[in-house]
Protein backbone atom coordinates (compact mmCIF):
# COMPACT_ATOMS: atom_id res chain seq x y z
CA MET A 1 85.08 65.80 47.44
CA LYS A 2 83.94 68.46 49.41
CA ILE A 3 82.24 71.48 48.22
CA GLU A 4 83.51 74.68 50.03
CA GLU A 5 82.48 78.33 49.70
CA VAL A 6 83.89 78.96 46.18
CA LYS A 7 84.96 82.73 45.04
CA SER A 8 82.78 82.98 41.43
CA THR A 9 85.37 83.50 38.70
CA ALA A 10 83.10 85.30 36.90
CA LYS A 11 84.17 88.17 34.43
CA THR A 12 83.43 91.77 35.96
CA GLN A 13 82.85 94.09 33.16
CA ARG A 14 81.71 97.62 32.49
CA ILE A 15 79.87 98.04 29.20
CA SER A 16 79.50 101.36 29.25
CA ALA A 17 77.71 101.22 25.67
CA HIS A 18 74.96 99.54 26.57
CA SER A 19 74.45 100.50 30.04
CA HIS A 20 71.28 101.91 29.42
CA ILE A 21 69.61 98.35 28.68
CA LYS A 22 67.10 96.70 31.48
CA GLY A 23 64.95 94.09 29.78
CA LEU A 24 63.59 93.16 26.45
CA GLY A 25 60.78 96.07 26.96
CA LEU A 26 58.05 93.47 26.13
CA ASP A 27 54.37 93.54 27.50
CA GLU A 28 52.87 90.77 29.68
CA ASN A 29 51.26 89.01 25.99
CA GLY A 30 55.49 89.24 24.74
CA VAL A 31 54.38 91.56 22.65
CA PRO A 32 57.54 94.52 22.11
CA ILE A 33 56.87 98.10 23.42
CA GLN A 34 58.54 100.57 20.34
CA MET A 35 60.46 102.43 23.41
CA ALA A 36 60.75 100.52 26.53
CA ALA A 37 63.98 99.00 29.05
CA GLY A 38 66.53 100.98 27.12
CA LEU A 39 65.56 99.56 23.40
CA VAL A 40 63.89 101.27 20.78
CA GLY A 41 62.44 99.62 17.41
CA GLN A 42 63.70 96.27 16.48
CA GLU A 43 60.37 95.03 17.27
CA SER A 44 60.53 91.51 15.47
CA ALA A 45 63.98 90.93 16.95
CA ARG A 46 62.80 91.37 20.46
CA GLU A 47 59.78 89.60 20.13
CA ALA A 48 61.73 86.59 18.89
CA ALA A 49 64.23 86.79 21.57
CA GLY A 50 61.31 87.34 24.29
CA LEU A 51 60.37 83.68 22.97
CA VAL A 52 63.83 82.49 23.45
CA VAL A 53 63.72 83.75 26.86
CA ASP A 54 60.15 81.83 27.39
CA MET A 55 62.24 78.71 26.03
CA ILE A 56 65.28 78.83 28.42
CA ARG A 57 63.04 79.71 31.73
CA SER A 58 61.03 76.43 30.70
CA LYS A 59 64.41 74.40 30.11
CA LYS A 60 63.19 73.69 26.47
CA MET A 61 66.32 75.37 25.19
CA ALA A 62 69.36 73.44 26.25
CA GLY A 63 72.14 72.80 23.68
CA ARG A 64 70.78 74.90 20.97
CA ALA A 65 72.23 77.82 19.58
CA LEU A 66 70.72 81.21 18.43
CA LEU A 67 72.22 83.60 16.00
CA LEU A 68 71.76 87.46 15.78
CA ALA A 69 73.02 88.74 12.49
CA GLY A 70 72.50 92.05 10.86
CA PRO A 71 74.94 95.20 9.86
CA PRO A 72 77.02 96.71 12.47
CA GLY A 73 75.48 99.05 15.08
CA THR A 74 71.94 97.77 14.59
CA GLY A 75 71.74 96.38 18.51
CA LYS A 76 72.94 92.76 18.41
CA THR A 77 75.15 93.27 21.44
CA ALA A 78 72.12 95.12 22.79
CA ILE A 79 69.47 92.56 22.57
CA ALA A 80 71.66 89.70 23.94
CA LEU A 81 72.39 91.90 27.02
CA ALA A 82 68.59 92.33 27.09
CA ILE A 83 68.15 88.85 27.18
CA ALA A 84 70.54 88.18 29.95
CA GLN A 85 68.72 91.22 32.23
CA GLU A 86 65.53 89.02 31.53
CA LEU A 87 66.53 85.81 32.87
CA GLY A 88 68.16 87.81 36.17
CA ASN A 89 71.25 87.80 37.86
CA LYS A 90 70.78 83.98 38.93
CA VAL A 91 71.39 82.78 35.75
CA PRO A 92 74.75 82.97 34.63
CA PHE A 93 75.89 84.82 31.48
CA CYS A 94 79.14 84.68 30.17
CA PRO A 95 80.08 87.21 27.20
CA MET A 96 83.21 86.32 24.80
CA VAL A 97 84.19 87.81 21.97
CA GLY A 98 85.41 85.31 19.01
CA SER A 99 89.27 86.29 18.66
CA GLU A 100 89.24 85.58 22.48
CA VAL A 101 90.00 82.40 21.80
CA TYR A 102 93.47 82.75 19.59
CA SER A 103 95.28 82.83 23.30
CA THR A 104 99.14 82.48 23.23
CA GLU A 105 99.08 80.81 26.24
CA ILE A 106 96.22 77.93 26.03
CA LYS A 107 94.49 75.81 23.52
CA LYS A 108 91.63 77.23 21.57
CA THR A 109 89.53 74.73 22.29
CA GLU A 110 90.25 75.02 26.31
CA VAL A 111 89.27 78.84 26.10
CA LEU A 112 85.71 77.49 24.52
CA MET A 113 85.46 75.32 27.13
CA GLU A 114 86.09 77.51 29.98
CA ASN A 115 83.57 79.63 28.90
CA PHE A 116 81.01 77.23 28.41
CA ARG A 117 81.67 76.34 32.21
CA ARG A 118 81.58 79.65 33.14
CA ALA A 119 77.73 80.00 31.49
CA ILE A 120 76.82 76.85 33.58
CA GLY A 121 75.17 77.60 37.19
CA LEU A 122 74.69 74.97 39.82
CA ARG A 123 72.64 76.00 42.74
CA ILE A 124 74.04 73.85 45.51
CA ARG A 125 71.40 73.25 48.56
CA GLU A 126 73.23 72.35 51.63
CA THR A 127 71.59 71.43 55.03
CA LYS A 128 74.49 72.81 57.55
CA GLU A 129 74.26 72.42 61.79
CA VAL A 130 74.76 75.99 63.06
CA TYR A 131 74.82 78.23 66.17
CA GLU A 132 73.52 81.03 65.54
CA GLY A 133 72.58 83.57 67.66
CA GLU A 134 74.00 87.38 69.40
CA VAL A 135 76.98 87.26 71.06
CA THR A 136 76.35 88.04 75.09
CA GLU A 137 80.34 87.09 76.07
CA LEU A 138 83.48 86.32 74.40
CA THR A 139 86.12 85.47 76.09
CA PRO A 140 89.67 83.98 75.40
CA VAL A 141 90.78 81.64 77.78
CA GLU A 142 95.02 82.04 77.90
CA THR A 143 97.27 79.56 79.03
CA GLU A 144 101.29 79.18 79.56
CA ASN A 145 103.16 78.68 76.04
CA PRO A 146 104.09 75.43 75.70
CA ALA A 147 106.83 76.39 73.46
CA GLY A 148 108.28 78.29 76.89
CA GLY A 149 109.10 81.69 76.79
CA TYR A 150 107.05 84.86 78.10
CA GLY A 151 104.31 85.00 75.69
CA LYS A 152 100.89 83.20 76.24
CA THR A 153 98.37 81.27 73.71
CA VAL A 154 94.89 81.23 73.31
CA SER A 155 94.00 77.27 74.66
CA HIS A 156 90.20 77.89 73.81
CA VAL A 157 87.32 80.47 73.85
CA ILE A 158 83.97 80.98 75.72
CA ILE A 159 81.41 82.12 73.56
CA GLY A 160 77.83 83.22 74.66
CA LEU A 161 75.06 83.05 72.04
CA LYS A 162 71.51 84.43 72.67
CA THR A 163 68.48 83.89 70.61
CA ALA A 164 64.65 84.64 71.15
CA LYS A 165 63.87 81.00 72.76
CA GLY A 166 67.35 80.86 75.00
CA THR A 167 70.96 81.18 75.79
CA LYS A 168 73.94 78.86 75.18
CA GLN A 169 77.64 79.18 76.13
CA LEU A 170 80.15 77.37 74.00
CA LYS A 171 83.86 76.26 74.41
CA LEU A 172 85.36 76.68 70.87
CA ASP A 173 88.60 76.20 69.13
CA PRO A 174 91.06 78.69 69.32
CA THR A 175 91.02 78.62 65.47
CA ILE A 176 87.65 79.55 65.47
CA TYR A 177 88.77 82.74 67.65
CA GLU A 178 91.31 83.69 64.94
CA SER A 179 88.08 83.80 62.59
CA LEU A 180 86.10 85.53 64.99
CA GLN A 181 88.71 88.11 65.21
CA LYS A 182 88.77 87.98 61.56
CA GLU A 183 85.32 88.97 61.05
CA LYS A 184 85.67 91.92 63.75
CA VAL A 185 82.69 90.01 65.79
CA GLU A 186 82.06 91.91 69.31
CA VAL A 187 79.52 91.33 71.91
CA GLY A 188 76.09 92.44 70.45
CA ASP A 189 77.13 91.07 67.04
CA VAL A 190 74.80 88.48 65.40
CA ILE A 191 76.57 85.46 64.16
CA TYR A 192 76.72 81.98 63.15
CA ILE A 193 79.04 79.09 63.52
CA GLU A 194 79.13 75.99 61.41
CA ALA A 195 79.35 73.07 63.35
CA ASN A 196 81.72 70.72 60.92
CA SER A 197 83.78 73.08 59.32
CA GLY A 198 83.84 75.82 62.38
CA ALA A 199 83.79 78.67 59.70
CA VAL A 200 82.41 81.81 61.47
CA LYS A 201 79.57 84.10 59.44
CA ARG A 202 78.74 87.72 61.15
CA GLN A 203 75.33 88.99 60.29
CA GLY A 204 75.61 91.89 61.32
CA ARG A 205 74.38 93.84 64.56
CA SER A 206 71.59 93.14 66.95
CA ASP A 207 68.69 95.34 66.42
CA THR A 208 68.47 96.10 70.48
CA PHE A 209 71.78 98.15 69.58
CA ALA A 210 69.46 100.04 66.92
CA THR A 211 69.23 103.07 69.37
CA GLU A 212 73.02 103.56 69.76
CA PHE A 213 75.01 106.61 67.96
CA ASP A 214 77.63 105.25 65.67
CA LEU A 215 79.59 107.16 63.49
CA GLU A 216 79.76 104.06 60.88
CA ALA A 217 76.02 103.15 60.03
CA GLU A 218 75.75 99.60 61.13
CA GLU A 219 73.76 97.04 59.16
CA TYR A 220 71.13 95.79 61.89
CA VAL A 221 69.67 92.57 62.16
CA PRO A 222 66.63 91.23 64.32
CA LEU A 223 67.46 88.60 67.33
CA PRO A 224 67.61 85.34 65.68
CA LYS A 225 64.46 82.59 66.57
CA GLY A 226 64.36 79.32 67.56
CA ASP A 227 67.35 77.61 69.23
CA VAL A 228 71.08 78.53 69.26
CA HIS A 229 72.03 75.05 67.71
CA LYS A 230 69.49 74.39 64.44
CA LYS A 231 69.93 72.78 61.52
CA LYS A 232 69.84 75.92 58.52
CA GLU A 233 69.50 75.35 54.85
CA VAL A 234 72.23 77.12 52.78
CA VAL A 235 72.04 77.60 49.22
CA GLN A 236 75.28 78.78 47.34
CA ASP A 237 75.58 79.86 43.32
CA VAL A 238 78.57 78.52 41.81
CA THR A 239 79.09 77.69 37.78
CA LEU A 240 81.33 74.73 37.00
CA HIS A 241 84.32 77.13 36.01
CA ASP A 242 84.64 78.02 39.53
CA LEU A 243 84.30 74.19 40.44
CA ASP A 244 87.36 73.48 37.78
CA CYS A 245 89.54 76.20 39.46
CA ALA A 246 88.91 75.49 42.94
CA ASN A 247 90.17 71.72 42.30
CA ALA A 248 92.68 72.85 39.65
CA ARG A 249 94.76 74.72 42.18
CA PRO A 250 96.97 72.59 44.38
CA GLN A 251 96.53 73.19 48.01
CA GLY A 252 99.91 73.37 49.17
CA GLY A 253 101.52 74.15 52.19
CA HIS A 254 102.71 77.32 53.92
CA ASP A 255 106.42 76.79 53.22
CA ILE A 256 108.56 78.79 51.25
CA MET A 257 108.79 76.55 48.16
CA SER A 258 104.94 76.36 47.73
CA MET A 259 104.68 80.17 48.05
CA MET A 260 107.30 80.08 45.35
CA GLY A 261 105.82 77.26 43.15
CA GLN A 262 102.33 79.63 43.15
CA LEU A 263 104.10 82.77 42.34
CA MET A 264 106.30 81.28 39.31
CA LYS A 265 103.33 79.72 37.81
CA PRO A 266 102.29 81.14 34.74
CA LYS A 267 98.85 83.03 34.36
CA LYS A 268 96.94 80.68 32.89
CA THR A 269 96.97 76.70 33.38
CA GLU A 270 95.17 74.33 31.38
CA ILE A 271 92.45 72.38 33.49
CA THR A 272 92.74 68.83 32.04
CA ASP A 273 89.58 66.93 30.28
CA LYS A 274 90.15 64.18 33.33
CA LEU A 275 89.41 66.79 36.23
CA ARG A 276 86.51 68.15 34.17
CA LYS A 277 84.96 64.37 34.42
CA GLU A 278 85.98 64.00 37.50
CA ILE A 279 84.05 67.11 38.64
CA ASN A 280 80.81 66.37 36.34
CA LYS A 281 80.93 62.69 37.78
CA VAL A 282 80.30 64.54 41.32
CA VAL A 283 78.20 67.12 40.01
CA ASN A 284 75.80 64.48 38.56
CA LYS A 285 76.12 62.84 41.86
CA TYR A 286 74.74 65.75 43.54
CA ILE A 287 71.72 66.21 41.10
CA ASP A 288 70.99 62.52 41.51
CA GLN A 289 70.64 63.11 45.27
CA GLY A 290 68.77 66.28 45.07
CA ILE A 291 71.45 68.42 46.78
CA ALA A 292 71.88 70.39 43.75
CA GLU A 293 70.29 71.96 40.35
CA LEU A 294 72.00 72.66 37.30
CA VAL A 295 71.04 76.19 36.19
CA PRO A 296 72.17 76.55 32.23
CA GLY A 297 72.91 80.02 31.33
CA VAL A 298 73.92 82.16 28.22
CA LEU A 299 77.08 81.95 26.56
CA PHE A 300 77.34 84.75 24.14
CA ILE A 301 79.96 84.82 21.60
CA ASP A 302 80.11 88.06 19.50
CA GLU A 303 81.90 88.21 16.35
CA VAL A 304 81.47 84.54 15.27
CA HIS A 305 82.94 84.42 12.28
CA MET A 306 86.47 85.10 13.83
CA LEU A 307 85.80 81.57 14.71
CA ASP A 308 87.92 79.24 12.61
CA ILE A 309 87.14 75.75 11.23
CA GLU A 310 88.52 73.81 14.03
CA THR A 311 86.85 75.93 16.74
CA PHE A 312 83.35 75.36 14.70
CA THR A 313 83.47 71.44 14.73
CA TYR A 314 84.47 71.74 18.59
CA LEU A 315 81.37 73.58 18.96
CA HIS A 316 79.37 70.92 17.34
CA ARG A 317 80.37 68.42 20.15
CA ALA A 318 80.22 71.03 23.23
CA LEU A 319 76.47 71.83 21.67
CA GLU A 320 75.38 68.15 21.65
CA SER A 321 76.71 67.58 25.53
CA ALA A 322 74.73 66.73 28.35
CA ILE A 323 75.66 69.76 30.80
CA ALA A 324 75.65 72.46 27.78
CA PRO A 325 74.59 76.29 27.89
CA ILE A 326 72.44 78.40 25.50
CA VAL A 327 74.94 79.52 22.88
CA ILE A 328 73.88 82.97 21.26
CA PHE A 329 76.21 84.04 18.37
CA ALA A 330 76.51 87.63 16.74
CA THR A 331 77.65 88.34 13.13
CA ASN A 332 77.74 91.55 11.15
CA ARG A 333 79.48 89.43 8.27
CA GLY A 334 77.43 88.70 4.73
CA ARG A 335 78.96 85.72 2.67
CA CYS A 336 82.55 85.42 3.25
CA GLN A 337 84.96 82.74 3.52
CA ILE A 338 85.30 80.65 6.73
CA ARG A 339 88.52 81.25 9.01
CA GLY A 340 90.82 78.62 8.33
CA THR A 341 90.05 77.24 5.10
CA GLU A 342 91.08 77.92 1.39
CA ASP A 343 88.07 78.49 -0.37
CA ILE A 344 85.12 77.58 1.48
CA ILE A 345 82.45 80.51 1.56
CA SER A 346 79.56 80.66 3.78
CA PRO A 347 76.96 82.88 4.77
CA HIS A 348 78.31 84.68 7.99
CA GLY A 349 81.38 82.90 7.69
CA ILE A 350 79.94 80.23 9.79
CA PRO A 351 80.06 76.42 8.26
CA LEU A 352 76.36 75.12 6.73
CA ASP A 353 76.07 72.22 9.46
CA LEU A 354 76.33 74.38 12.25
CA LEU A 355 74.06 77.13 10.30
CA ASP A 356 71.53 74.69 10.35
CA ARG A 357 71.51 74.13 14.02
CA LEU A 358 70.98 77.43 14.65
CA LEU A 359 67.66 79.81 14.81
CA ILE A 360 68.51 82.92 13.13
CA ILE A 361 67.14 86.63 14.43
CA ARG A 362 67.64 89.43 12.06
CA THR A 363 68.65 92.77 13.31
CA LEU A 364 67.35 95.71 10.84
CA PRO A 365 69.43 99.38 10.62
CA TYR A 366 67.50 102.10 12.53
CA ASN A 367 65.44 104.79 10.88
CA LYS A 368 65.92 108.58 11.68
CA ALA A 369 63.18 108.87 14.43
CA GLU A 370 64.61 105.71 16.25
CA LEU A 371 67.69 107.03 16.04
CA LEU A 372 66.77 110.15 17.41
CA GLN A 373 65.27 108.32 20.56
CA ILE A 374 68.17 106.21 20.77
CA LEU A 375 70.44 109.61 21.04
CA LYS A 376 67.79 111.20 23.58
CA LEU A 377 68.21 107.72 25.15
CA ARG A 378 72.11 107.86 25.51
CA ALA A 379 72.51 111.71 26.77
CA THR A 380 70.25 110.79 29.69
CA THR A 381 72.13 108.00 30.60
CA GLU A 382 75.61 109.88 30.22
CA GLY A 383 73.84 112.63 31.90
CA ILE A 384 74.29 115.39 28.96
CA SER A 385 71.66 117.80 28.20
CA ILE A 386 71.10 118.93 24.61
CA GLU A 387 68.67 121.00 22.82
CA ASP A 388 65.75 119.43 20.58
CA GLU A 389 67.37 121.19 17.47
CA ALA A 390 70.99 119.77 18.46
CA LEU A 391 69.32 116.75 18.58
CA ALA A 392 67.51 116.80 15.60
CA ALA A 393 71.15 117.80 14.13
CA LEU A 394 72.99 114.84 15.53
CA ALA A 395 70.46 112.46 14.53
CA GLU A 396 70.82 113.68 10.94
CA ILE A 397 74.25 113.12 11.58
CA GLY A 398 73.70 109.40 12.75
CA THR A 399 71.44 108.76 9.19
CA ASN A 400 74.36 109.72 7.02
CA SER A 401 77.22 108.10 9.18
CA THR A 402 76.33 105.58 11.79
CA LEU A 403 74.89 105.39 15.10
CA ARG A 404 78.13 104.43 16.61
CA TYR A 405 79.86 107.89 15.49
CA ALA A 406 76.55 110.34 16.38
CA ALA A 407 76.56 108.67 19.40
CA GLN A 408 80.47 108.86 20.27
CA LEU A 409 80.37 113.00 19.08
CA LEU A 410 77.83 113.57 22.30
CA THR A 411 80.69 114.12 25.14
CA PRO A 412 82.99 116.04 23.25
CA ALA A 413 79.98 118.69 22.30
CA MET A 414 79.25 118.74 25.87
CA LEU A 415 82.80 119.80 26.38
CA ALA A 416 82.41 122.14 23.22
CA ALA A 417 79.31 123.61 25.37
CA ARG A 418 80.96 124.06 28.96
CA ALA A 419 84.48 125.81 27.30
CA ASP A 420 81.55 128.28 25.79
CA GLY A 421 79.98 128.92 29.14
CA ALA A 422 76.74 126.83 28.26
CA THR A 423 74.89 124.29 30.23
CA ARG A 424 73.52 122.34 27.24
CA ILE A 425 74.58 121.37 23.80
CA ALA A 426 73.58 123.62 21.12
CA PRO A 427 73.41 123.23 17.37
CA ALA A 428 76.55 125.17 16.76
CA HIS A 429 78.65 123.10 19.43
CA LEU A 430 77.34 120.40 17.29
CA THR A 431 78.91 121.80 14.03
CA SER A 432 82.28 122.74 15.64
CA VAL A 433 82.88 118.92 17.13
CA HIS A 434 81.67 117.45 13.60
CA SER A 435 83.92 119.29 11.27
CA LEU A 436 86.84 118.51 14.14
CA PHE A 437 86.48 114.74 13.81
CA LEU A 438 85.72 112.65 10.37
CA ASP A 439 83.29 109.47 10.48
CA ALA A 440 83.63 106.44 8.74
CA LYS A 441 82.80 107.26 5.42
CA SER A 442 83.78 111.04 4.85
CA SER A 443 87.67 109.45 5.92
CA ALA A 444 87.37 106.78 3.42
CA LYS A 445 85.99 109.63 0.66
CA ILE A 446 89.14 111.48 1.23
CA LEU A 447 91.27 108.74 1.03
CA THR A 448 90.05 107.91 -2.62
CA GLN A 449 90.11 111.53 -3.62
CA HIS A 450 93.52 111.42 -2.54
CA SER A 451 94.79 107.78 -3.03
CA ASP A 452 98.08 109.10 -4.90
CA LYS A 453 99.50 111.10 -1.49
CA TYR A 454 98.84 107.64 0.75
CA MET A 455 101.35 104.62 0.54
CA LYS A 456 100.03 101.81 -1.36
């Protein structure tokens, strides 16, 4: 099996609620700073998460799992995302919600396995033979079309490459000429061509042309050192799920039937266990040869109480596998019934045998001072200016209702301030907006008072 350039299938997400989190905010000794890297308070939970990060980095955490437990709005997702930020973007991080497994198209276990494989990275180091240099000439040589007619076809292309050490003229296949056109390669660009696959990569414009005035700002790169023909180490980061997808999709021809087949296929196709085993064999072979190394990432399963007894038993097997990521669960439930059972009550809605495997980190509700700091941070992140008195009033609202409700009032209050011709949120704007909307507690109170007016 040849590993080609694989397009990543990583989920792209924009989580605006946690966009201010940059890390765990610990000092060099692993002690949490009260307010740092976007996190406020929760010192003991952050310190514990710091130890987990150290274990992941030293590869001592494989096949283990972590549970973040605490009331809603106490920063469980925030801590999981902070762990991901601490590990850096080279370590795969795959977030999912417990209810995602109930897909109508594929099995529950398949959804879990897919996300497990998304959270395991593979760093492949390949030594490739390449021709690298600045393009000095680019001449396509045309011949008469063998099929007859007036058109001409490109028989081969002459390309001149120059490095700091010397120059070389190459006679290349016409398919490479198409790749050169796709990459928009011109004379003066620095490119490299892979000798075995013929893939062309344009790195940028040679910096000898940096003095030219150009409407579009180009990326200028220095003239490559060494010979034109050289061996180069290429590092590629992929996840096991990327490899599964690349091999699961049959490479059909360009005829109309195969095109129709691709169009009519359902959105999701299950990847067979047999294919995964084959890929694992190849991956293990690469690891043994030293070509690749495994990078166990983090799989974050939020609202884990939504999983049922069948998926919990499947998780057991998945956690014990030789190739397993670090799994972080999060839940806001206390003692509740395990989904899929009739009468089994368990802490956090997780079976006791799985709870036994977990390191549990507890998050605690925020106090008023911490709420104030978080709301100030959110206002800065969203580019909203607010008076100190209004911020104190908002923290008071947050104490009586919830942090999420208080944070959601920021934008409507800003709109009310703008309608009033003000640039900052004043306490009056906050009062008017707070009177328009209800939080969960106020709504529940009204329902209790007027229960006879609502349908049962």
